[in-house]
Amino acid sequence: MNVIDRSEVSPTEITETLLSVIRLMRKQVDAAMSAQGLSLARGKLLTAIAHEGTCRPGELAHVLQQSPRTITDAIDAMDRDGLLIRKRHPTDRRSQLLELTEAGKQALEQVKKPKQAAIDRLFDGLDSHARQQLMASLRSIEALAQDIEEQNKA
């Protein structure tokens, strides 16, 4: 009879599980937010504008690590829906600035509690110590991934 030693977990298994968890987390958080009228993707974009303040679309694309074209499509839709407005740049006529509208601010406020409730449900099974361990491990992996990304740019 073969006994599988589960004490050794491969990086591939960890990565596949982590990607699956991320997909499930996004799905559940998006569902909670969408029920309030604002998808996770739109919420991320509006949150970035709220955090950055009035900004150019290119700056927003950089912050969100998205292509300018992807951001432009999202901006077009949210402009049509009244969640943000485009303004002319005061010194660069070729450039536009993005700003949240009151409706955009209200949409962000409306999804805060449902989003947080969905996130809290995802971590109900982990006690404080397990959360701290998970966070430490994720930060280590993130730092290594960032180092690799920087090395690849050089």
Protein backbone atom coordinates (compact mmCIF):
# COMPACT_ATOMS: atom_id res chain seq x y z
CA MET A 1 0.00 0.00 0.00
CA ASN A 2 1.40 3.38 -1.04
CA VAL A 3 1.13 6.17 1.49
CA ILE A 4 1.44 9.70 0.15
CA ASP A 5 3.54 12.01 2.31
CA ARG A 6 1.43 15.18 2.46
CA SER A 7 4.01 17.00 4.61
CA GLU A 8 5.82 18.01 1.43
CA VAL A 9 3.71 20.44 -0.54
CA SER A 10 5.13 21.56 -3.87
CA PRO A 11 5.32 25.20 -4.94
CA THR A 12 3.15 24.23 -7.92
CA GLU A 13 0.41 22.89 -5.65
CA ILE A 14 0.59 26.02 -3.49
CA THR A 15 0.40 28.26 -6.57
CA GLU A 16 -2.54 26.38 -8.07
CA THR A 17 -4.40 26.50 -4.76
CA LEU A 18 -3.64 30.18 -4.29
CA LEU A 19 -4.88 31.01 -7.79
CA SER A 20 -8.06 29.02 -7.12
CA VAL A 21 -8.58 30.84 -3.81
CA ILE A 22 -8.07 34.21 -5.49
CA ARG A 23 -10.60 33.32 -8.18
CA LEU A 24 -13.16 32.25 -5.58
CA MET A 25 -12.52 35.32 -3.43
CA ARG A 26 -12.95 37.66 -6.38
CA LYS A 27 -16.16 35.90 -7.39
CA GLN A 28 -17.67 36.18 -3.90
CA VAL A 29 -16.58 39.77 -3.28
CA ASP A 30 -17.74 40.78 -6.76
CA ALA A 31 -21.14 39.18 -6.14
CA ALA A 32 -21.56 41.06 -2.86
CA MET A 33 -20.58 44.35 -4.48
CA SER A 34 -22.56 43.80 -7.68
CA ALA A 35 -25.70 43.19 -5.61
CA GLN A 36 -25.29 46.84 -4.56
CA GLY A 37 -24.79 48.02 -8.15
CA LEU A 38 -21.00 48.29 -8.40
CA SER A 39 -18.77 45.48 -9.63
CA LEU A 40 -15.40 44.72 -8.06
CA ALA A 41 -13.60 45.92 -11.20
CA ARG A 42 -15.45 49.23 -11.24
CA GLY A 43 -14.97 49.55 -7.50
CA LYS A 44 -11.22 49.13 -7.87
CA LEU A 45 -11.09 51.85 -10.50
CA LEU A 46 -13.22 54.28 -8.50
CA THR A 47 -11.24 53.52 -5.34
CA ALA A 48 -8.00 54.27 -7.18
CA ILE A 49 -9.38 57.64 -8.35
CA ALA A 50 -10.60 58.40 -4.83
CA HIS A 51 -7.15 57.53 -3.46
CA GLU A 52 -5.12 59.30 -6.14
CA GLY A 53 -7.43 62.30 -6.39
CA THR A 54 -7.97 63.95 -9.74
CA CYS A 55 -5.69 62.07 -12.14
CA ARG A 56 -4.96 61.30 -15.78
CA PRO A 57 -6.15 58.04 -17.32
CA GLY A 58 -2.54 56.97 -17.97
CA GLU A 59 -1.66 57.44 -14.31
CA LEU A 60 -4.67 55.37 -13.35
CA ALA A 61 -3.66 52.59 -15.76
CA HIS A 62 -0.21 52.55 -14.18
CA VAL A 63 -1.57 52.43 -10.62
CA LEU A 64 -3.95 49.58 -11.51
CA GLN A 65 -1.34 47.79 -13.65
CA GLN A 66 -3.75 47.72 -16.58
CA SER A 67 -3.34 48.64 -20.21
CA PRO A 68 -4.44 52.16 -21.13
CA ARG A 69 -6.98 50.69 -23.58
CA THR A 70 -8.62 48.59 -20.84
CA ILE A 71 -8.82 51.63 -18.59
CA THR A 72 -10.25 53.77 -21.40
CA ASP A 73 -13.11 51.32 -21.99
CA ALA A 74 -13.91 51.25 -18.26
CA ILE A 75 -13.68 55.04 -18.00
CA ASP A 76 -16.04 55.45 -20.97
CA ALA A 77 -18.64 53.23 -19.32
CA MET A 78 -18.38 54.89 -15.91
CA ASP A 79 -18.51 58.34 -17.47
CA ARG A 80 -21.75 57.32 -19.26
CA ASP A 81 -23.09 56.02 -15.94
CA GLY A 82 -22.25 59.28 -14.16
CA LEU A 83 -19.75 57.75 -11.72
CA LEU A 84 -16.87 59.94 -12.86
CA ILE A 85 -16.28 62.94 -15.05
CA ARG A 86 -13.55 63.91 -17.46
CA LYS A 87 -12.11 67.40 -17.22
CA ARG A 88 -9.68 69.18 -19.44
CA HIS A 89 -6.17 69.41 -18.02
CA PRO A 90 -5.48 73.07 -17.15
CA THR A 91 -2.05 73.16 -18.83
CA ASP A 92 -2.10 70.27 -21.33
CA ARG A 93 -4.95 70.49 -23.84
CA ARG A 94 -4.25 66.95 -25.09
CA SER A 95 -4.78 65.46 -21.66
CA GLN A 96 -7.87 64.77 -19.57
CA LEU A 97 -8.27 64.50 -15.84
CA LEU A 98 -10.63 62.10 -14.09
CA GLU A 99 -12.64 62.96 -11.03
CA LEU A 100 -15.29 61.11 -9.05
CA THR A 101 -18.81 62.45 -9.11
CA GLU A 102 -21.08 62.43 -6.09
CA ALA A 103 -22.75 59.35 -7.59
CA GLY A 104 -19.33 57.66 -7.81
CA LYS A 105 -18.56 58.50 -4.18
CA GLN A 106 -21.98 57.22 -3.11
CA ALA A 107 -21.51 53.99 -5.07
CA LEU A 108 -18.21 53.36 -3.28
CA GLU A 109 -19.79 54.08 0.08
CA GLN A 110 -22.76 51.81 -0.66
CA VAL A 111 -20.56 48.74 -1.32
CA LYS A 112 -18.21 49.13 1.68
CA LYS A 113 -20.24 47.07 4.15
CA PRO A 114 -21.27 44.25 1.78
CA LYS A 115 -17.70 44.00 0.49
CA GLN A 116 -16.30 43.83 4.03
CA ALA A 117 -18.92 41.26 5.05
CA ALA A 118 -17.97 39.03 2.09
CA ILE A 119 -14.28 39.33 2.98
CA ASP A 120 -14.94 38.59 6.65
CA ARG A 121 -16.91 35.44 5.74
CA LEU A 122 -13.93 34.20 3.73
CA PHE A 123 -11.67 34.37 6.78
CA ASP A 124 -14.11 33.19 9.46
CA GLY A 125 -12.29 29.84 9.70
CA LEU A 126 -8.91 31.37 10.50
CA ASP A 127 -7.99 32.55 13.97
CA SER A 128 -5.72 35.55 14.52
CA HIS A 129 -2.54 33.46 14.62
CA ALA A 130 -3.38 31.68 11.36
CA ARG A 131 -4.12 35.02 9.71
CA GLN A 132 -0.78 36.41 10.87
CA GLN A 133 1.05 33.35 9.54
CA LEU A 134 -0.76 33.57 6.22
CA MET A 135 0.03 37.27 5.91
CA ALA A 136 3.72 36.73 6.70
CA SER A 137 3.95 33.97 4.08
CA LEU A 138 2.15 36.03 1.46
CA ARG A 139 4.39 39.05 2.11
CA SER A 140 7.48 36.87 1.67
CA ILE A 141 6.19 35.48 -1.62
CA GLU A 142 5.20 38.97 -2.77
CA ALA A 143 8.68 40.35 -2.00
CA LEU A 144 10.32 37.50 -3.94
CA ALA A 145 7.97 37.99 -6.87
CA GLN A 146 8.69 41.73 -6.92
CA ASP A 147 12.45 41.04 -6.86
CA ILE A 148 12.09 38.64 -9.79
CA GLU A 149 10.01 41.18 -11.69
CA GLU A 150 12.66 43.86 -11.13
CA GLN A 151 15.42 41.48 -12.27
CA ASN A 152 13.44 40.69 -15.42
CA LYS A 153 13.16 44.41 -16.22
CA ALA A 154 16.94 44.88 -16.04
